[in-house]
C-alpha atoms as a PDB file:
ATOM      1  CA  MET A   1      -0.208   0.051  -0.170  1.00  0.00           C
ATOM      2  CA  PRO A   2       1.393   3.384  -0.849  1.00  0.00           C
ATOM      3  CA  VAL A   3       2.060   5.767   1.556  1.00  0.00           C
ATOM      4  CA  THR A   4       0.060   8.628   2.275  1.00  0.00           C
ATOM      5  CA  GLU A   5       1.614  11.239   4.935  1.00  0.00           C
ATOM      6  CA  TYR A   6      -0.878  11.417   7.695  1.00  0.00           C
ATOM      7  CA  GLN A   7      -0.956  15.088   8.977  1.00  0.00           C
ATOM      8  CA  VAL A   8      -2.726  16.271  11.812  1.00  0.00           C
ATOM      9  CA  ALA A   9      -4.320  20.088  11.235  1.00  0.00           C
ATOM     10  CA  THR A  10      -3.323  22.594  13.135  1.00  0.00           C
ATOM     11  CA  ASN A  11      -6.860  23.075  15.124  1.00  0.00           C
ATOM     12  CA  ILE A  12      -6.998  19.920  16.404  1.00  0.00           C
ATOM     13  CA  ARG A  13      -3.101  20.510  17.559  1.00  0.00           C
ATOM     14  CA  ILE A  14      -4.220  23.657  19.277  1.00  0.00           C
ATOM     15  CA  GLN A  15      -7.137  21.914  21.076  1.00  0.00           C
ATOM     16  CA  ARG A  16      -5.232  19.000  22.157  1.00  0.00           C
ATOM     17  CA  ALA A  17      -2.692  21.076  23.428  1.00  0.00           C
ATOM     18  CA  THR A  18      -5.574  22.928  25.744  1.00  0.00           C
ATOM     19  CA  LEU A  19      -7.741  19.441  26.305  1.00  0.00           C
ATOM     20  CA  ARG A  20      -5.083  17.088  27.867  1.00  0.00           C
ATOM     21  CA  PRO A  21      -3.594  19.447  30.332  1.00  0.00           C
ATOM     22  CA  PHE A  22      -7.507  19.696  31.564  1.00  0.00           C
ATOM     23  CA  PHE A  23      -7.642  16.597  31.461  1.00  0.00           C
ATOM     24  CA  ARG A  24      -4.624  16.049  33.748  1.00  0.00           C
ATOM     25  CA  GLY A  25      -5.752  18.581  35.810  1.00  0.00           C
ATOM     26  CA  LEU A  26      -9.307  17.230  36.283  1.00  0.00           C
ATOM     27  CA  PHE A  27      -7.656  13.718  36.959  1.00  0.00           C
ATOM     28  CA  HIS A  28      -5.511  14.827  39.271  1.00  0.00           C
ATOM     29  CA  LEU A  29      -8.748  16.679  41.177  1.00  0.00           C
ATOM     30  CA  LEU A  30     -10.923  13.531  41.641  1.00  0.00           C
ATOM     31  CA  ALA A  31      -8.143  10.943  41.877  1.00  0.00           C
ATOM     32  CA  SER A  32      -5.059  10.055  43.186  1.00  0.00           C
ATOM     33  CA  VAL A  33      -3.182   8.955  39.749  1.00  0.00           C
ATOM     34  CA  GLU A  34       0.356   7.030  39.671  1.00  0.00           C
ATOM     35  CA  ILE A  35       2.264   6.396  36.300  1.00  0.00           C
ATOM     36  CA  THR A  36       5.242   3.466  35.906  1.00  0.00           C
ATOM     37  CA  GLY A  37       7.264   2.699  33.200  1.00  0.00           C
ATOM     38  CA  LYS A  38       7.861   5.854  31.525  1.00  0.00           C
ATOM     39  CA  GLU A  39      11.217   5.216  30.346  1.00  0.00           C
ATOM     40  CA  ASN A  40       9.826   1.879  28.418  1.00  0.00           C
ATOM     41  CA  ILE A  41       8.311   4.782  25.572  1.00  0.00           C
ATOM     42  CA  PRO A  42      10.631   4.154  22.315  1.00  0.00           C
ATOM     43  CA  TYR A  43       9.947   8.594  22.175  1.00  0.00           C
ATOM     44  CA  GLY A  44       9.876  10.261  18.827  1.00  0.00           C
ATOM     45  CA  LYS A  45       9.720   7.030  17.046  1.00  0.00           C
ATOM     46  CA  PRO A  46       5.974   4.848  15.640  1.00  0.00           C
ATOM     47  CA  TYR A  47       4.901   2.751  18.014  1.00  0.00           C
ATOM     48  CA  VAL A  48       1.426   0.877  18.825  1.00  0.00           C
ATOM     49  CA  ALA A  49       0.258   1.623  22.631  1.00  0.00           C
ATOM     50  CA  ALA A  50      -1.754  -1.212  23.281  1.00  0.00           C
ATOM     51  CA  MET A  51      -4.088  -0.581  26.345  1.00  0.00           C
ATOM     52  CA  ASN A  52      -6.884  -2.869  28.591  1.00  0.00           C
ATOM     53  CA  HIS A  53     -10.191  -1.011  27.698  1.00  0.00           C
ATOM     54  CA  VAL A  54     -13.003  -1.166  30.802  1.00  0.00           C
ATOM     55  CA  SER A  55     -14.912   2.333  30.559  1.00  0.00           C
ATOM     56  CA  LEU A  56     -15.030   5.339  28.874  1.00  0.00           C
ATOM     57  CA  TYR A  57     -12.683   6.974  31.265  1.00  0.00           C
ATOM     58  CA  ASP A  58      -9.761   4.863  30.494  1.00  0.00           C
ATOM     59  CA  PRO A  59      -8.887   6.470  26.694  1.00  0.00           C
ATOM     60  CA  PRO A  60      -9.190   9.869  27.923  1.00  0.00           C
ATOM     61  CA  PHE A  61      -6.381   9.176  30.999  1.00  0.00           C
ATOM     62  CA  MET A  62      -4.308   7.838  28.648  1.00  0.00           C
ATOM     63  CA  VAL A  63      -4.692  10.254  26.375  1.00  0.00           C
ATOM     64  CA  ALA A  64      -3.826  13.058  29.320  1.00  0.00           C
ATOM     65  CA  PHE A  65      -1.326  10.853  31.091  1.00  0.00           C
ATOM     66  CA  TRP A  66       0.932   9.686  28.000  1.00  0.00           C
ATOM     67  CA  PRO A  67       4.131  11.745  27.714  1.00  0.00           C
ATOM     68  CA  GLU A  68       3.656  11.847  24.026  1.00  0.00           C
ATOM     69  CA  THR A  69       0.950  13.128  22.056  1.00  0.00           C
ATOM     70  CA  LEU A  70      -1.202   9.834  20.528  1.00  0.00           C
ATOM     71  CA  GLU A  71      -3.121   9.509  17.420  1.00  0.00           C
ATOM     72  CA  SER A  72      -6.219   7.277  18.764  1.00  0.00           C
ATOM     73  CA  MET A  73      -9.099   4.968  17.411  1.00  0.00           C
ATOM     74  CA  GLY A  74     -12.473   4.992  19.116  1.00  0.00           C
ATOM     75  CA  ALA A  75     -15.660   3.243  17.517  1.00  0.00           C
ATOM     76  CA  ALA A  76     -17.304   5.426  15.415  1.00  0.00           C
ATOM     77  CA  ASP A  77     -20.659   5.227  16.936  1.00  0.00           C
ATOM     78  CA  ILE A  78     -18.764   7.475  19.995  1.00  0.00           C
ATOM     79  CA  TRP A  79     -19.363  10.366  17.429  1.00  0.00           C
ATOM     80  CA  LYS A  80     -22.909  10.277  17.558  1.00  0.00           C
ATOM     81  CA  ARG A  81     -22.848  10.046  21.659  1.00  0.00           C
ATOM     82  CA  SER A  82     -23.754  12.891  23.501  1.00  0.00           C
ATOM     83  CA  LYS A  83     -23.695  11.256  26.794  1.00  0.00           C
ATOM     84  CA  ALA A  84     -20.496  12.147  28.703  1.00  0.00           C
ATOM     85  CA  GLY A  85     -19.924  14.646  26.225  1.00  0.00           C
ATOM     86  CA  GLN A  86     -18.069  11.969  24.166  1.00  0.00           C
ATOM     87  CA  ASN A  87     -19.111  12.918  20.397  1.00  0.00           C
ATOM     88  CA  MET A  88     -17.548  16.824  21.276  1.00  0.00           C
ATOM     89  CA  LEU A  89     -14.293  15.584  22.756  1.00  0.00           C
ATOM     90  CA  VAL A  90     -13.553  13.047  20.400  1.00  0.00           C
ATOM     91  CA  ARG A  91     -14.327  15.340  17.570  1.00  0.00           C
ATOM     92  CA  LEU A  92     -11.954  17.980  19.142  1.00  0.00           C
ATOM     93  CA  TYR A  93      -9.305  15.604  20.087  1.00  0.00           C
ATOM     94  CA  GLY A  94      -9.553  14.467  16.280  1.00  0.00           C
ATOM     95  CA  GLY A  95      -9.916  10.626  16.760  1.00  0.00           C
ATOM     96  CA  ILE A  96     -10.238   7.925  14.436  1.00  0.00           C
ATOM     97  CA  PRO A  97     -13.389   6.669  13.602  1.00  0.00           C
ATOM     98  CA  VAL A  98     -13.529   2.417  13.640  1.00  0.00           C
ATOM     99  CA  GLN A  99     -16.887   0.810  12.238  1.00  0.00           C
ATOM    100  CA  ARG A 100     -17.037  -2.011  14.421  1.00  0.00           C
ATOM    101  CA  GLY A 101     -17.748  -5.458  13.253  1.00  0.00           C
ATOM    102  CA  GLU A 102     -17.013  -4.630   9.639  1.00  0.00           C
ATOM    103  CA  TYR A 103     -14.221  -4.406   7.756  1.00  0.00           C
ATOM    104  CA  ASP A 104     -12.934  -1.089   7.496  1.00  0.00           C
ATOM    105  CA  ARG A 105     -10.436  -0.421   4.675  1.00  0.00           C
ATOM    106  CA  GLN A 106     -10.165   3.405   5.181  1.00  0.00           C
ATOM    107  CA  MET A 107      -9.809   2.878   8.293  1.00  0.00           C
ATOM    108  CA  LEU A 108      -7.413   0.656   8.249  1.00  0.00           C
ATOM    109  CA  ASP A 109      -5.021   2.621   5.535  1.00  0.00           C
ATOM    110  CA  THR A 110      -5.655   5.533   8.115  1.00  0.00           C
ATOM    111  CA  VAL A 111      -4.107   3.843  10.779  1.00  0.00           C
ATOM    112  CA  ILE A 112      -1.548   2.189   8.774  1.00  0.00           C
ATOM    113  CA  ASN A 113      -0.329   5.414   7.420  1.00  0.00           C
ATOM    114  CA  VAL A 114      -0.229   6.993  10.941  1.00  0.00           C
ATOM    115  CA  LEU A 115       2.563   4.477  12.010  1.00  0.00           C
ATOM    116  CA  ARG A 116       4.595   4.687   8.395  1.00  0.00           C
ATOM    117  CA  SER A 117       4.377   8.410   8.766  1.00  0.00           C
ATOM    118  CA  GLY A 118       5.663   8.209  12.333  1.00  0.00           C
ATOM    119  CA  TYR A 119       3.338   8.960  14.932  1.00  0.00           C
ATOM    120  CA  PRO A 120       2.035   6.824  17.854  1.00  0.00           C
ATOM    121  CA  LEU A 121      -1.121   4.740  17.903  1.00  0.00           C
ATOM    122  CA  LEU A 122      -3.383   4.188  20.705  1.00  0.00           C
ATOM    123  CA  ILE A 123      -5.241   0.780  20.555  1.00  0.00           C
ATOM    124  CA  ALA A 124      -7.431  -1.217  22.672  1.00  0.00           C
ATOM    125  CA  PRO A 125      -7.189  -4.402  20.808  1.00  0.00           C
ATOM    126  CA  GLU A 126     -10.501  -6.020  22.738  1.00  0.00           C
ATOM    127  CA  GLY A 127     -11.972  -3.202  20.154  1.00  0.00           C
ATOM    128  CA  ARG A 128     -14.716  -2.549  22.905  1.00  0.00           C
ATOM    129  CA  ARG A 129     -15.485  -1.940  26.612  1.00  0.00           C
ATOM    130  CA  SER A 130     -15.825  -4.540  28.739  1.00  0.00           C
ATOM    131  CA  HIS A 131     -17.588  -2.554  31.557  1.00  0.00           C
ATOM    132  CA  VAL A 132     -15.961  -4.774  33.918  1.00  0.00           C
ATOM    133  CA  THR A 133     -12.318  -4.976  35.161  1.00  0.00           C
ATOM    134  CA  ALA A 134     -11.641  -8.671  33.236  1.00  0.00           C
ATOM    135  CA  MET A 135     -10.353  -8.174  30.068  1.00  0.00           C
ATOM    136  CA  GLN A 136     -11.839  -9.571  26.952  1.00  0.00           C
ATOM    137  CA  ARG A 137     -10.155 -11.762  24.093  1.00  0.00           C
ATOM    138  CA  ALA A 138      -8.703  -9.168  21.507  1.00  0.00           C
ATOM    139  CA  ARG A 139      -9.947  -9.137  18.293  1.00  0.00           C
ATOM    140  CA  PRO A 140      -7.129  -9.335  15.252  1.00  0.00           C
ATOM    141  CA  GLY A 141      -7.006  -6.000  14.254  1.00  0.00           C
ATOM    142  CA  ILE A 142      -3.613  -4.930  16.338  1.00  0.00           C
ATOM    143  CA  ALA A 143      -1.802  -7.668  14.474  1.00  0.00           C
ATOM    144  CA  TYR A 144      -2.918  -6.836  11.360  1.00  0.00           C
ATOM    145  CA  ILE A 145      -1.862  -3.140  11.690  1.00  0.00           C
ATOM    146  CA  VAL A 146       1.840  -4.475  13.144  1.00  0.00           C
ATOM    147  CA  GLU A 147       1.937  -7.180  10.284  1.00  0.00           C
ATOM    148  CA  GLU A 148       1.972  -3.697   8.001  1.00  0.00           C
ATOM    149  CA  THR A 149       3.929  -1.389   9.548  1.00  0.00           C
ATOM    150  CA  GLN A 150       6.748  -3.681  11.540  1.00  0.00           C
ATOM    151  CA  ALA A 151       5.689  -0.913  14.224  1.00  0.00           C
ATOM    152  CA  PRO A 152       6.680  -2.309  18.048  1.00  0.00           C
ATOM    153  CA  VAL A 153       3.942  -2.282  20.623  1.00  0.00           C
ATOM    154  CA  VAL A 154       3.960  -0.879  24.101  1.00  0.00           C
ATOM    155  CA  PRO A 155       1.798  -2.970  26.092  1.00  0.00           C
ATOM    156  CA  VAL A 156      -0.350  -0.508  29.176  1.00  0.00           C
ATOM    157  CA  GLY A 157      -2.361  -1.706  31.807  1.00  0.00           C
ATOM    158  CA  ILE A 158      -4.727   0.908  33.366  1.00  0.00           C
ATOM    159  CA  LEU A 159      -6.193   0.624  36.750  1.00  0.00           C
ATOM    160  CA  GLY A 160      -9.100   2.052  38.282  1.00  0.00           C
ATOM    161  CA  ALA A 161     -11.209   3.724  35.428  1.00  0.00           C
ATOM    162  CA  THR A 162     -13.474   1.406  35.895  1.00  0.00           C
ATOM    163  CA  ASP A 163     -17.466   2.342  35.133  1.00  0.00           C
ATOM    164  CA  ASP A 164     -18.016   3.831  38.307  1.00  0.00           C
ATOM    165  CA  PHE A 165     -15.063   5.815  38.566  1.00  0.00           C
ATOM    166  CA  TRP A 166     -16.978   9.364  37.934  1.00  0.00           C
ATOM    167  CA  GLN A 167     -19.736   8.571  40.874  1.00  0.00           C
ATOM    168  CA  ARG A 168     -16.624   7.565  43.546  1.00  0.00           C
ATOM    169  CA  ALA A 169     -14.650  10.685  42.522  1.00  0.00           C
ATOM    170  CA  THR A 170     -17.722  13.136  42.778  1.00  0.00           C
ATOM    171  CA  LYS A 171     -18.646  11.870  46.406  1.00  0.00           C
ATOM    172  CA  GLY A 172     -14.587  12.261  47.551  1.00  0.00           C
ATOM    173  CA  LYS A 173     -13.757   9.106  47.724  1.00  0.00           C
ATOM    174  CA  ARG A 174     -10.472   9.877  45.459  1.00  0.00           C
ATOM    175  CA  PRO A 175      -9.944   6.391  43.763  1.00  0.00           C
ATOM    176  CA  HIS A 176      -6.526   5.384  42.437  1.00  0.00           C
ATOM    177  CA  LEU A 177      -5.762   5.635  39.178  1.00  0.00           C
ATOM    178  CA  GLU A 178      -2.738   3.609  37.428  1.00  0.00           C
ATOM    179  CA  MET A 179      -1.254   3.326  34.259  1.00  0.00           C
ATOM    180  CA  ARG A 180       1.756   0.882  33.850  1.00  0.00           C
ATOM    181  CA  ILE A 181       4.095   1.032  30.581  1.00  0.00           C
ATOM    182  CA  GLY A 182       5.827  -2.324  29.938  1.00  0.00           C
ATOM    183  CA  LYS A 183       8.533  -2.511  27.735  1.00  0.00           C
ATOM    184  CA  PRO A 184       7.881  -2.408  24.078  1.00  0.00           C
ATOM    185  CA  VAL A 185       6.990  -5.984  22.042  1.00  0.00           C
ATOM    186  CA  HIS A 186       8.183  -7.185  18.322  1.00  0.00           C
ATOM    187  CA  LEU A 187       5.534  -9.438  17.231  1.00  0.00           C
ATOM    188  CA  PRO A 188       6.050 -12.816  15.598  1.00  0.00           C
ATOM    189  CA  PRO A 189       5.722 -12.885  11.949  1.00  0.00           C
ATOM    190  CA  VAL A 190       1.982 -13.534  10.589  1.00  0.00           C
ATOM    191  CA  THR A 191       2.279 -16.896   8.517  1.00  0.00           C
ATOM    192  CA  GLY A 192       0.318 -18.955   6.445  1.00  0.00           C
ATOM    193  CA  ARG A 193      -2.428 -18.214   4.194  1.00  0.00           C
ATOM    194  CA  GLY A 194      -6.434 -18.260   4.702  1.00  0.00           C
ATOM    195  CA  VAL A 195      -7.826 -19.494   7.792  1.00  0.00           C
ATOM    196  CA  GLU A 196      -4.138 -20.545   8.674  1.00  0.00           C
ATOM    197  CA  ARG A 197      -2.902 -16.825   8.166  1.00  0.00           C
ATOM    198  CA  ARG A 198      -6.332 -15.218  10.156  1.00  0.00           C
ATOM    199  CA  ALA A 199      -5.666 -18.009  13.087  1.00  0.00           C
ATOM    200  CA  SER A 200      -1.696 -16.297  13.131  1.00  0.00           C
ATOM    201  CA  ARG A 201      -2.854 -12.891  13.627  1.00  0.00           C
ATOM    202  CA  GLN A 202      -5.124 -14.083  16.186  1.00  0.00           C
ATOM    203  CA  ARG A 203      -2.224 -15.580  17.763  1.00  0.00           C
ATOM    204  CA  ASN A 204      -0.668 -12.069  17.937  1.00  0.00           C
ATOM    205  CA  ALA A 205      -3.387 -10.414  19.078  1.00  0.00           C
ATOM    206  CA  ASP A 206      -3.289 -12.901  22.034  1.00  0.00           C
ATOM    207  CA  LEU A 207       0.306 -11.773  23.018  1.00  0.00           C
ATOM    208  CA  VAL A 208      -0.234  -8.468  23.200  1.00  0.00           C
ATOM    209  CA  MET A 209      -3.176  -9.184  25.772  1.00  0.00           C
ATOM    210  CA  SER A 210      -0.650 -11.686  27.446  1.00  0.00           C
ATOM    211  CA  TYR A 211       1.897  -8.252  27.876  1.00  0.00           C
ATOM    212  CA  ILE A 212      -0.674  -6.443  29.126  1.00  0.00           C
ATOM    213  CA  ALA A 213      -2.344  -8.789  31.578  1.00  0.00           C
ATOM    214  CA  GLY A 214       1.287  -9.266  33.445  1.00  0.00           C
ATOM    215  CA  LEU A 215       1.131  -5.809  34.354  1.00  0.00           C
ATOM    216  CA  LEU A 216      -2.696  -5.878  36.102  1.00  0.00           C
ATOM    217  CA  PRO A 217      -3.675  -7.707  38.840  1.00  0.00           C
ATOM    218  CA  LYS A 218      -5.483 -10.943  38.430  1.00  0.00           C
ATOM    219  CA  GLU A 219      -9.111  -9.450  38.859  1.00  0.00           C
ATOM    220  CA  TYR A 220      -7.917  -7.910  35.541  1.00  0.00           C
ATOM    221  CA  ARG A 221      -6.586 -10.272  33.518  1.00  0.00           C
ATOM    222  CA  GLY A 222      -9.871 -11.856  32.430  1.00  0.00           C
ATOM    223  CA  VAL A 223      -9.241 -14.593  29.921  1.00  0.00           C
ATOM    224  CA  TYR A 224      -5.527 -14.240  29.494  1.00  0.00           C
ATOM    225  CA  ALA A 225      -5.426 -15.237  33.578  1.00  0.00           C
ATOM    226  CA  ASP A 226      -3.072 -18.146  32.543  1.00  0.00           C
ATOM    227  CA  SER A 227      -1.658 -16.497  29.608  1.00  0.00           C
ATOM    228  CA  ALA A 228      -0.225 -13.473  31.575  1.00  0.00           C
ATOM    229  CA  ILE A 229       3.378 -12.379  30.836  1.00  0.00           C
ATOM    230  CA  PHE A 230       5.292 -11.043  33.452  1.00  0.00           C
ATOM    231  CA  SER A 231       8.487  -9.883  31.777  1.00  0.00           C
ATOM    232  CA  THR A 232       7.945  -6.264  30.927  1.00  0.00           C
ATOM    233  CA  GLN A 233       7.402  -4.806  34.218  1.00  0.00           C
ATOM    234  CA  ALA A 234       8.565  -4.556  37.391  1.00  0.00           C
ATOM    235  CA  GLY A 235       6.246  -5.549  40.319  1.00  0.00           C
ATOM    236  CA  GLN A 236       3.237  -7.254  38.940  1.00  0.00           C
END
């Protein structure tokens, strides 16, 4: 696929420069925040930051506190959700809409060009919120994107950003939010054709989730409880 340089519009850059510190301040006001593993980020290079996805609160937490500005994917229906201003926020931030449950060639071309143009990309491999702490099985999209770009994956475990975060925070309970950043992972080559190739991509997507599971406590690991890989972060 030919590379079409990905560019971030000037107005989006300005809006992000306002939104990110605003949300950092808001999260600090409402919760205690802990970030570990920043030294694992390959600064200034393209990579995929892959996180577990519990609620609507973990993407803004990620993009607010990540040391670099991330390009971010999100389900296309968010652009229509007025609850908590989700539609307004994704437009202001400049997210990349994803049509869930269907092949989206335009989206894939966009995110591949994001990485080929040198930008880091945020992905939730599960493809949807779990609404519980336990992780669901990943979808293979992340493996295809990495296959096309050879970008490393930085696994990220998010704790505390549960569905009831806002209720707890606004009642003065100051919930604990934590971001654990693991070391970059290079996925093995995807092999085979047809069904075999799809299975190879799914194995790579599951491998990413196993690294994320290794950053999280038991109650967060879900279907990856027995395959968690603990080599990317101390003090699991």
